[in-house]
Amino acid sequence: MTTAQPINFNPDQRAKLINVISEGCQVTDEIESLRGGLSDTVKAVAEEMDIPASVLKKAISVAHKSNFGDVEADHQLLETILTTVGRK
């Protein structure tokens, strides 16, 4: 096994690294905050409408990815498999 050799970054590279890591941490914090807020909203709406939060989250994911056709095909295959093995 070889050990990684230390890299000596020049001042410009060091500044770029500091900047990108700082911005990356800030964006990651914002994403976590937004996800938390969305999760709270989904839970509240799901409870209010008496539907599972997991289904509402899935609907959001499918709508965002615009992949209902794929999800529908997967669901049909799942149904076929469960019917075949007598578990539907």
PDB file of N, CA and C in Angstrom:
ATOM      1  N   MET A   1       0.837  -1.179   0.000  1.00  0.00           N
ATOM      2  CA  MET A   1       0.000   0.000   0.000  1.00  0.00           C
ATOM      3  C   MET A   1       0.885   1.247   0.000  1.00  0.00           C
ATOM      4  N   THR A   2       0.563   2.171  -0.863  1.00  0.00           N
ATOM      5  CA  THR A   2       1.339   3.405  -0.931  1.00  0.00           C
ATOM      6  C   THR A   2       0.613   4.496  -0.170  1.00  0.00           C
ATOM      7  N   THR A   3       1.383   5.370   0.397  1.00  0.00           N
ATOM      8  CA  THR A   3       0.777   6.498   1.104  1.00  0.00           C
ATOM      9  C   THR A   3       0.737   7.694   0.175  1.00  0.00           C
ATOM     10  N   ALA A   4      -0.294   8.485   0.348  1.00  0.00           N
ATOM     11  CA  ALA A   4      -0.434   9.680  -0.485  1.00  0.00           C
ATOM     12  C   ALA A   4       0.651  10.691  -0.124  1.00  0.00           C
ATOM     13  N   GLN A   5       1.223  11.259  -1.124  1.00  0.00           N
ATOM     14  CA  GLN A   5       2.244  12.280  -0.927  1.00  0.00           C
ATOM     15  C   GLN A   5       1.557  13.618  -0.675  1.00  0.00           C
ATOM     16  N   PRO A   6       2.048  14.377   0.272  1.00  0.00           N
ATOM     17  CA  PRO A   6       1.438  15.691   0.516  1.00  0.00           C
ATOM     18  C   PRO A   6       1.586  16.588  -0.711  1.00  0.00           C
ATOM     19  N   ILE A   7       0.564  17.371  -0.931  1.00  0.00           N
ATOM     20  CA  ILE A   7       0.577  18.313  -2.046  1.00  0.00           C
ATOM     21  C   ILE A   7       0.854  19.699  -1.474  1.00  0.00           C
ATOM     22  N   ASN A   8       1.743  20.388  -2.082  1.00  0.00           N
ATOM     23  CA  ASN A   8       2.022  21.768  -1.692  1.00  0.00           C
ATOM     24  C   ASN A   8       1.252  22.698  -2.617  1.00  0.00           C
ATOM     25  N   PHE A   9       0.199  23.310  -2.079  1.00  0.00           N
ATOM     26  CA  PHE A   9      -0.615  24.229  -2.872  1.00  0.00           C
ATOM     27  C   PHE A   9       0.008  25.615  -2.838  1.00  0.00           C
ATOM     28  N   ASN A  10      -0.024  26.278  -4.005  1.00  0.00           N
ATOM     29  CA  ASN A  10       0.472  27.649  -4.040  1.00  0.00           C
ATOM     30  C   ASN A  10      -0.599  28.565  -3.424  1.00  0.00           C
ATOM     31  N   PRO A  11      -0.271  29.808  -3.136  1.00  0.00           N
ATOM     32  CA  PRO A  11      -1.230  30.706  -2.473  1.00  0.00           C
ATOM     33  C   PRO A  11      -2.558  30.863  -3.231  1.00  0.00           C
ATOM     34  N   ASP A  12      -2.501  30.913  -4.565  1.00  0.00           N
ATOM     35  CA  ASP A  12      -3.729  31.045  -5.347  1.00  0.00           C
ATOM     36  C   ASP A  12      -4.607  29.796  -5.196  1.00  0.00           C
ATOM     37  N   GLN A  13      -3.985  28.629  -5.260  1.00  0.00           N
ATOM     38  CA  GLN A  13      -4.728  27.379  -5.097  1.00  0.00           C
ATOM     39  C   GLN A  13      -5.314  27.282  -3.689  1.00  0.00           C
ATOM     40  N   ARG A  14      -4.519  27.679  -2.710  1.00  0.00           N
ATOM     41  CA  ARG A  14      -4.992  27.648  -1.324  1.00  0.00           C
ATOM     42  C   ARG A  14      -6.213  28.552  -1.164  1.00  0.00           C
ATOM     43  N   ALA A  15      -6.166  29.742  -1.721  1.00  0.00           N
ATOM     44  CA  ALA A  15      -7.293  30.672  -1.644  1.00  0.00           C
ATOM     45  C   ALA A  15      -8.534  30.089  -2.314  1.00  0.00           C
ATOM     46  N   LYS A  16      -8.342  29.443  -3.466  1.00  0.00           N
ATOM     47  CA  LYS A  16      -9.475  28.825  -4.162  1.00  0.00           C
ATOM     48  C   LYS A  16     -10.073  27.699  -3.330  1.00  0.00           C
ATOM     49  N   LEU A  17      -9.212  26.882  -2.728  1.00  0.00           N
ATOM     50  CA  LEU A  17      -9.696  25.792  -1.883  1.00  0.00           C
ATOM     51  C   LEU A  17     -10.477  26.315  -0.687  1.00  0.00           C
ATOM     52  N   ILE A  18      -9.949  27.330  -0.037  1.00  0.00           N
ATOM     53  CA  ILE A  18     -10.635  27.932   1.112  1.00  0.00           C
ATOM     54  C   ILE A  18     -12.007  28.449   0.680  1.00  0.00           C
ATOM     55  N   ASN A  19     -12.044  29.120  -0.466  1.00  0.00           N
ATOM     56  CA  ASN A  19     -13.292  29.688  -0.960  1.00  0.00           C
ATOM     57  C   ASN A  19     -14.317  28.599  -1.290  1.00  0.00           C
ATOM     58  N   VAL A  20     -13.905  27.587  -2.044  1.00  0.00           N
ATOM     59  CA  VAL A  20     -14.862  26.565  -2.470  1.00  0.00           C
ATOM     60  C   VAL A  20     -15.351  25.739  -1.282  1.00  0.00           C
ATOM     61  N   ILE A  21     -14.479  25.470  -0.323  1.00  0.00           N
ATOM     62  CA  ILE A  21     -14.913  24.720   0.856  1.00  0.00           C
ATOM     63  C   ILE A  21     -15.860  25.560   1.703  1.00  0.00           C
ATOM     64  N   SER A  22     -15.564  26.824   1.851  1.00  0.00           N
ATOM     65  CA  SER A  22     -16.448  27.720   2.600  1.00  0.00           C
ATOM     66  C   SER A  22     -17.830  27.804   1.948  1.00  0.00           C
ATOM     67  N   GLU A  23     -17.841  28.028   0.632  1.00  0.00           N
ATOM     68  CA  GLU A  23     -19.113  28.095  -0.086  1.00  0.00           C
ATOM     69  C   GLU A  23     -19.844  26.762  -0.048  1.00  0.00           C
ATOM     70  N   GLY A  24     -19.102  25.671  -0.173  1.00  0.00           N
ATOM     71  CA  GLY A  24     -19.713  24.348  -0.128  1.00  0.00           C
ATOM     72  C   GLY A  24     -20.376  24.073   1.211  1.00  0.00           C
ATOM     73  N   CYS A  25     -19.716  24.460   2.283  1.00  0.00           N
ATOM     74  CA  CYS A  25     -20.295  24.283   3.619  1.00  0.00           C
ATOM     75  C   CYS A  25     -21.550  25.139   3.789  1.00  0.00           C
ATOM     76  N   GLN A  26     -21.508  26.359   3.292  1.00  0.00           N
ATOM     77  CA  GLN A  26     -22.662  27.253   3.399  1.00  0.00           C
ATOM     78  C   GLN A  26     -23.842  26.691   2.613  1.00  0.00           C
ATOM     79  N   VAL A  27     -23.609  26.241   1.399  1.00  0.00           N
ATOM     80  CA  VAL A  27     -24.676  25.680   0.571  1.00  0.00           C
ATOM     81  C   VAL A  27     -25.240  24.420   1.216  1.00  0.00           C
ATOM     82  N   THR A  28     -24.363  23.571   1.751  1.00  0.00           N
ATOM     83  CA  THR A  28     -24.815  22.353   2.407  1.00  0.00           C
ATOM     84  C   THR A  28     -25.695  22.676   3.610  1.00  0.00           C
ATOM     85  N   ASP A  29     -25.326  23.683   4.395  1.00  0.00           N
ATOM     86  CA  ASP A  29     -26.154  24.109   5.531  1.00  0.00           C
ATOM     87  C   ASP A  29     -27.521  24.598   5.058  1.00  0.00           C
ATOM     88  N   GLU A  30     -27.535  25.374   3.975  1.00  0.00           N
ATOM     89  CA  GLU A  30     -28.797  25.879   3.433  1.00  0.00           C
ATOM     90  C   GLU A  30     -29.678  24.726   2.943  1.00  0.00           C
ATOM     91  N   ILE A  31     -29.078  23.746   2.279  1.00  0.00           N
ATOM     92  CA  ILE A  31     -29.829  22.594   1.779  1.00  0.00           C
ATOM     93  C   ILE A  31     -30.448  21.835   2.943  1.00  0.00           C
ATOM     94  N   GLU A  32     -29.667  21.593   3.999  1.00  0.00           N
ATOM     95  CA  GLU A  32     -30.183  20.883   5.165  1.00  0.00           C
ATOM     96  C   GLU A  32     -31.340  21.637   5.790  1.00  0.00           C
ATOM     97  N   SER A  33     -31.224  22.947   5.868  1.00  0.00           N
ATOM     98  CA  SER A  33     -32.287  23.773   6.433  1.00  0.00           C
ATOM     99  C   SER A  33     -33.551  23.699   5.577  1.00  0.00           C
ATOM    100  N   LEU A  34     -33.385  23.805   4.265  1.00  0.00           N
ATOM    101  CA  LEU A  34     -34.532  23.726   3.362  1.00  0.00           C
ATOM    102  C   LEU A  34     -35.190  22.358   3.410  1.00  0.00           C
ATOM    103  N   ARG A  35     -34.384  21.292   3.461  1.00  0.00           N
ATOM    104  CA  ARG A  35     -34.939  19.936   3.560  1.00  0.00           C
ATOM    105  C   ARG A  35     -35.738  19.766   4.844  1.00  0.00           C
ATOM    106  N   GLY A  36     -35.218  20.304   5.932  1.00  0.00           N
ATOM    107  CA  GLY A  36     -35.927  20.225   7.207  1.00  0.00           C
ATOM    108  C   GLY A  36     -37.261  20.943   7.144  1.00  0.00           C
ATOM    109  N   GLY A  37     -37.264  22.128   6.555  1.00  0.00           N
ATOM    110  CA  GLY A  37     -38.509  22.886   6.413  1.00  0.00           C
ATOM    111  C   GLY A  37     -39.512  22.171   5.522  1.00  0.00           C
ATOM    112  N   LEU A  38     -39.028  21.601   4.425  1.00  0.00           N
ATOM    113  CA  LEU A  38     -39.912  20.864   3.528  1.00  0.00           C
ATOM    114  C   LEU A  38     -40.483  19.644   4.231  1.00  0.00           C
ATOM    115  N   SER A  39     -39.650  18.951   4.981  1.00  0.00           N
ATOM    116  CA  SER A  39     -40.108  17.767   5.705  1.00  0.00           C
ATOM    117  C   SER A  39     -41.210  18.124   6.697  1.00  0.00           C
ATOM    118  N   ASP A  40     -41.025  19.220   7.424  1.00  0.00           N
ATOM    119  CA  ASP A  40     -42.057  19.673   8.364  1.00  0.00           C
ATOM    120  C   ASP A  40     -43.350  20.014   7.639  1.00  0.00           C
ATOM    121  N   THR A  41     -43.244  20.694   6.500  1.00  0.00           N
ATOM    122  CA  THR A  41     -44.427  21.061   5.720  1.00  0.00           C
ATOM    123  C   THR A  41     -45.139  19.826   5.190  1.00  0.00           C
ATOM    124  N   VAL A  42     -44.376  18.879   4.661  1.00  0.00           N
ATOM    125  CA  VAL A  42     -44.970  17.645   4.132  1.00  0.00           C
ATOM    126  C   VAL A  42     -45.703  16.905   5.238  1.00  0.00           C
ATOM    127  N   LYS A  43     -45.085  16.779   6.400  1.00  0.00           N
ATOM    128  CA  LYS A  43     -45.732  16.090   7.520  1.00  0.00           C
ATOM    129  C   LYS A  43     -47.037  16.773   7.915  1.00  0.00           C
ATOM    130  N   ALA A  44     -47.017  18.093   7.980  1.00  0.00           N
ATOM    131  CA  ALA A  44     -48.214  18.838   8.378  1.00  0.00           C
ATOM    132  C   ALA A  44     -49.332  18.675   7.352  1.00  0.00           C
ATOM    133  N   VAL A  45     -49.004  18.802   6.072  1.00  0.00           N
ATOM    134  CA  VAL A  45     -50.013  18.667   5.019  1.00  0.00           C
ATOM    135  C   VAL A  45     -50.542  17.236   4.974  1.00  0.00           C
ATOM    136  N   ALA A  46     -49.666  16.271   5.096  1.00  0.00           N
ATOM    137  CA  ALA A  46     -50.081  14.868   5.069  1.00  0.00           C
ATOM    138  C   ALA A  46     -51.020  14.564   6.229  1.00  0.00           C
ATOM    139  N   GLU A  47     -50.678  15.068   7.398  1.00  0.00           N
ATOM    140  CA  GLU A  47     -51.539  14.856   8.563  1.00  0.00           C
ATOM    141  C   GLU A  47     -52.891  15.521   8.368  1.00  0.00           C
ATOM    142  N   GLU A  48     -52.867  16.739   7.869  1.00  0.00           N
ATOM    143  CA  GLU A  48     -54.107  17.489   7.638  1.00  0.00           C
ATOM    144  C   GLU A  48     -55.010  16.777   6.630  1.00  0.00           C
ATOM    145  N   MET A  49     -54.397  16.164   5.606  1.00  0.00           N
ATOM    146  CA  MET A  49     -55.166  15.509   4.548  1.00  0.00           C
ATOM    147  C   MET A  49     -55.343  14.010   4.794  1.00  0.00           C
ATOM    148  N   ASP A  50     -54.805  13.522   5.917  1.00  0.00           N
ATOM    149  CA  ASP A  50     -54.913  12.114   6.303  1.00  0.00           C
ATOM    150  C   ASP A  50     -54.371  11.184   5.215  1.00  0.00           C
ATOM    151  N   ILE A  51     -53.182  11.513   4.735  1.00  0.00           N
ATOM    152  CA  ILE A  51     -52.484  10.653   3.779  1.00  0.00           C
ATOM    153  C   ILE A  51     -51.085  10.391   4.320  1.00  0.00           C
ATOM    154  N   PRO A  52     -50.475   9.286   3.947  1.00  0.00           N
ATOM    155  CA  PRO A  52     -49.116   9.022   4.440  1.00  0.00           C
ATOM    156  C   PRO A  52     -48.116  10.056   3.920  1.00  0.00           C
ATOM    157  N   ALA A  53     -47.284  10.548   4.818  1.00  0.00           N
ATOM    158  CA  ALA A  53     -46.254  11.516   4.424  1.00  0.00           C
ATOM    159  C   ALA A  53     -45.313  10.904   3.391  1.00  0.00           C
ATOM    160  N   SER A  54     -45.063   9.604   3.499  1.00  0.00           N
ATOM    161  CA  SER A  54     -44.152   8.954   2.550  1.00  0.00           C
ATOM    162  C   SER A  54     -44.706   8.998   1.130  1.00  0.00           C
ATOM    163  N   VAL A  55     -46.023   8.916   0.995  1.00  0.00           N
ATOM    164  CA  VAL A  55     -46.632   8.987  -0.335  1.00  0.00           C
ATOM    165  C   VAL A  55     -46.523  10.403  -0.886  1.00  0.00           C
ATOM    166  N   LEU A  56     -46.736  11.384  -0.035  1.00  0.00           N
ATOM    167  CA  LEU A  56     -46.608  12.774  -0.474  1.00  0.00           C
ATOM    168  C   LEU A  56     -45.157  13.087  -0.857  1.00  0.00           C
ATOM    169  N   LYS A  57     -44.193  12.580  -0.079  1.00  0.00           N
ATOM    170  CA  LYS A  57     -42.779  12.770  -0.425  1.00  0.00           C
ATOM    171  C   LYS A  57     -42.461  12.115  -1.760  1.00  0.00           C
ATOM    172  N   LYS A  58     -43.004  10.927  -1.987  1.00  0.00           N
ATOM    173  CA  LYS A  58     -42.781  10.220  -3.256  1.00  0.00           C
ATOM    174  C   LYS A  58     -43.382  11.031  -4.404  1.00  0.00           C
ATOM    175  N   ALA A  59     -44.571  11.586  -4.207  1.00  0.00           N
ATOM    176  CA  ALA A  59     -45.207  12.400  -5.245  1.00  0.00           C
ATOM    177  C   ALA A  59     -44.343  13.614  -5.584  1.00  0.00           C
ATOM    178  N   ILE A  60     -43.760  14.235  -4.577  1.00  0.00           N
ATOM    179  CA  ILE A  60     -42.887  15.380  -4.810  1.00  0.00           C
ATOM    180  C   ILE A  60     -41.663  14.946  -5.609  1.00  0.00           C
ATOM    181  N   SER A  61     -41.079  13.823  -5.225  1.00  0.00           N
ATOM    182  CA  SER A  61     -39.893  13.311  -5.922  1.00  0.00           C
ATOM    183  C   SER A  61     -40.196  12.993  -7.381  1.00  0.00           C
ATOM    184  N   VAL A  62     -41.317  12.311  -7.618  1.00  0.00           N
ATOM    185  CA  VAL A  62     -41.697  11.945  -8.992  1.00  0.00           C
ATOM    186  C   VAL A  62     -41.995  13.194  -9.807  1.00  0.00           C
ATOM    187  N   ALA A  63     -42.690  14.145  -9.205  1.00  0.00           N
ATOM    188  CA  ALA A  63     -42.999  15.394  -9.918  1.00  0.00           C
ATOM    189  C   ALA A  63     -41.718  16.147 -10.264  1.00  0.00           C
ATOM    190  N   HIS A  64     -40.777  16.170  -9.324  1.00  0.00           N
ATOM    191  CA  HIS A  64     -39.522  16.883  -9.565  1.00  0.00           C
ATOM    192  C   HIS A  64     -38.713  16.235 -10.681  1.00  0.00           C
ATOM    193  N   LYS A  65     -38.655  14.926 -10.675  1.00  0.00           N
ATOM    194  CA  LYS A  65     -37.868  14.202 -11.669  1.00  0.00           C
ATOM    195  C   LYS A  65     -38.622  13.983 -12.976  1.00  0.00           C
ATOM    196  N   SER A  66     -39.910  14.269 -12.981  1.00  0.00           N
ATOM    197  CA  SER A  66     -40.763  14.044 -14.160  1.00  0.00           C
ATOM    198  C   SER A  66     -40.584  12.617 -14.680  1.00  0.00           C
ATOM    199  N   ASN A  67     -40.648  11.656 -13.755  1.00  0.00           N
ATOM    200  CA  ASN A  67     -40.432  10.263 -14.151  1.00  0.00           C
ATOM    201  C   ASN A  67     -41.597   9.353 -13.771  1.00  0.00           C
ATOM    202  N   PHE A  68     -42.823   9.869 -13.880  1.00  0.00           N
ATOM    203  CA  PHE A  68     -43.979   9.060 -13.521  1.00  0.00           C
ATOM    204  C   PHE A  68     -44.058   7.793 -14.357  1.00  0.00           C
ATOM    205  N   GLY A  69     -43.708   7.871 -15.628  1.00  0.00           N
ATOM    206  CA  GLY A  69     -43.744   6.690 -16.489  1.00  0.00           C
ATOM    207  C   GLY A  69     -42.854   5.577 -15.957  1.00  0.00           C
ATOM    208  N   ASP A  70     -41.673   5.927 -15.486  1.00  0.00           N
ATOM    209  CA  ASP A  70     -40.761   4.932 -14.918  1.00  0.00           C
ATOM    210  C   ASP A  70     -41.341   4.334 -13.645  1.00  0.00           C
ATOM    211  N   VAL A  71     -41.882   5.188 -12.784  1.00  0.00           N
ATOM    212  CA  VAL A  71     -42.456   4.727 -11.520  1.00  0.00           C
ATOM    213  C   VAL A  71     -43.659   3.828 -11.801  1.00  0.00           C
ATOM    214  N   GLU A  72     -44.463   4.232 -12.765  1.00  0.00           N
ATOM    215  CA  GLU A  72     -45.639   3.439 -13.120  1.00  0.00           C
ATOM    216  C   GLU A  72     -45.215   2.064 -13.655  1.00  0.00           C
ATOM    217  N   ALA A  73     -44.201   2.020 -14.486  1.00  0.00           N
ATOM    218  CA  ALA A  73     -43.709   0.747 -15.020  1.00  0.00           C
ATOM    219  C   ALA A  73     -43.173  -0.131 -13.891  1.00  0.00           C
ATOM    220  N   ASP A  74     -42.441   0.467 -12.962  1.00  0.00           N
ATOM    221  CA  ASP A  74     -41.940  -0.288 -11.810  1.00  0.00           C
ATOM    222  C   ASP A  74     -43.094  -0.844 -10.979  1.00  0.00           C
ATOM    223  N   HIS A  75     -44.112  -0.022 -10.783  1.00  0.00           N
ATOM    224  CA  HIS A  75     -45.274  -0.451 -10.006  1.00  0.00           C
ATOM    225  C   HIS A  75     -45.987  -1.614 -10.702  1.00  0.00           C
ATOM    226  N   GLN A  76     -46.131  -1.528 -12.018  1.00  0.00           N
ATOM    227  CA  GLN A  76     -46.778  -2.609 -12.762  1.00  0.00           C
ATOM    228  C   GLN A  76     -45.972  -3.898 -12.659  1.00  0.00           C
ATOM    229  N   LEU A  77     -44.649  -3.798 -12.741  1.00  0.00           N
ATOM    230  CA  LEU A  77     -43.799  -4.978 -12.597  1.00  0.00           C
ATOM    231  C   LEU A  77     -43.917  -5.553 -11.187  1.00  0.00           C
ATOM    232  N   LEU A  78     -43.918  -4.697 -10.193  1.00  0.00           N
ATOM    233  CA  LEU A  78     -44.081  -5.128  -8.814  1.00  0.00           C
ATOM    234  C   LEU A  78     -45.408  -5.863  -8.632  1.00  0.00           C
ATOM    235  N   GLU A  79     -46.471  -5.292  -9.190  1.00  0.00           N
ATOM    236  CA  GLU A  79     -47.794  -5.920  -9.106  1.00  0.00           C
ATOM    237  C   GLU A  79     -47.779  -7.298  -9.775  1.00  0.00           C
ATOM    238  N   THR A  80     -47.150  -7.390 -10.932  1.00  0.00           N
ATOM    239  CA  THR A  80     -47.068  -8.670 -11.643  1.00  0.00           C
ATOM    240  C   THR A  80     -46.312  -9.706 -10.815  1.00  0.00           C
ATOM    241  N   ILE A  81     -45.197  -9.296 -10.233  1.00  0.00           N
ATOM    242  CA  ILE A  81     -44.407 -10.217  -9.419  1.00  0.00           C
ATOM    243  C   ILE A  81     -45.201 -10.701  -8.215  1.00  0.00           C
ATOM    244  N   LEU A  82     -45.834  -9.778  -7.511  1.00  0.00           N
ATOM    245  CA  LEU A  82     -46.606 -10.162  -6.318  1.00  0.00           C
ATOM    246  C   LEU A  82     -47.811 -11.027  -6.675  1.00  0.00           C
ATOM    247  N   THR A  83     -48.451 -10.756  -7.798  1.00  0.00           N
ATOM    248  CA  THR A  83     -49.562 -11.582  -8.266  1.00  0.00           C
ATOM    249  C   THR A  83     -49.052 -12.993  -8.607  1.00  0.00           C
ATOM    250  N   THR A  84     -47.906 -13.056  -9.260  1.00  0.00           N
ATOM    251  CA  THR A  84     -47.320 -14.340  -9.655  1.00  0.00           C
ATOM    252  C   THR A  84     -47.009 -15.223  -8.453  1.00  0.00           C
ATOM    253  N   VAL A  85     -46.526 -14.612  -7.380  1.00  0.00           N
ATOM    254  CA  VAL A  85     -46.168 -15.404  -6.205  1.00  0.00           C
ATOM    255  C   VAL A  85     -47.313 -15.495  -5.190  1.00  0.00           C
ATOM    256  N   GLY A  86     -48.481 -15.015  -5.579  1.00  0.00           N
ATOM    257  CA  GLY A  86     -49.667 -15.122  -4.706  1.00  0.00           C
ATOM    258  C   GLY A  86     -49.630 -14.236  -3.484  1.00  0.00           C
ATOM    259  N   ARG A  87     -48.956 -13.094  -3.566  1.00  0.00           N
ATOM    260  CA  ARG A  87     -48.834 -12.182  -2.417  1.00  0.00           C
ATOM    261  C   ARG A  87     -49.563 -10.871  -2.609  1.00  0.00           C
ATOM    262  N   LYS A  88     -50.412 -10.799  -3.635  1.00  0.00           N
ATOM    263  CA  LYS A  88     -51.145  -9.552  -3.877  1.00  0.00           C
ATOM    264  C   LYS A  88     -52.533  -9.688  -3.330  1.00  0.00           C
TER     265      LYS A  88
END
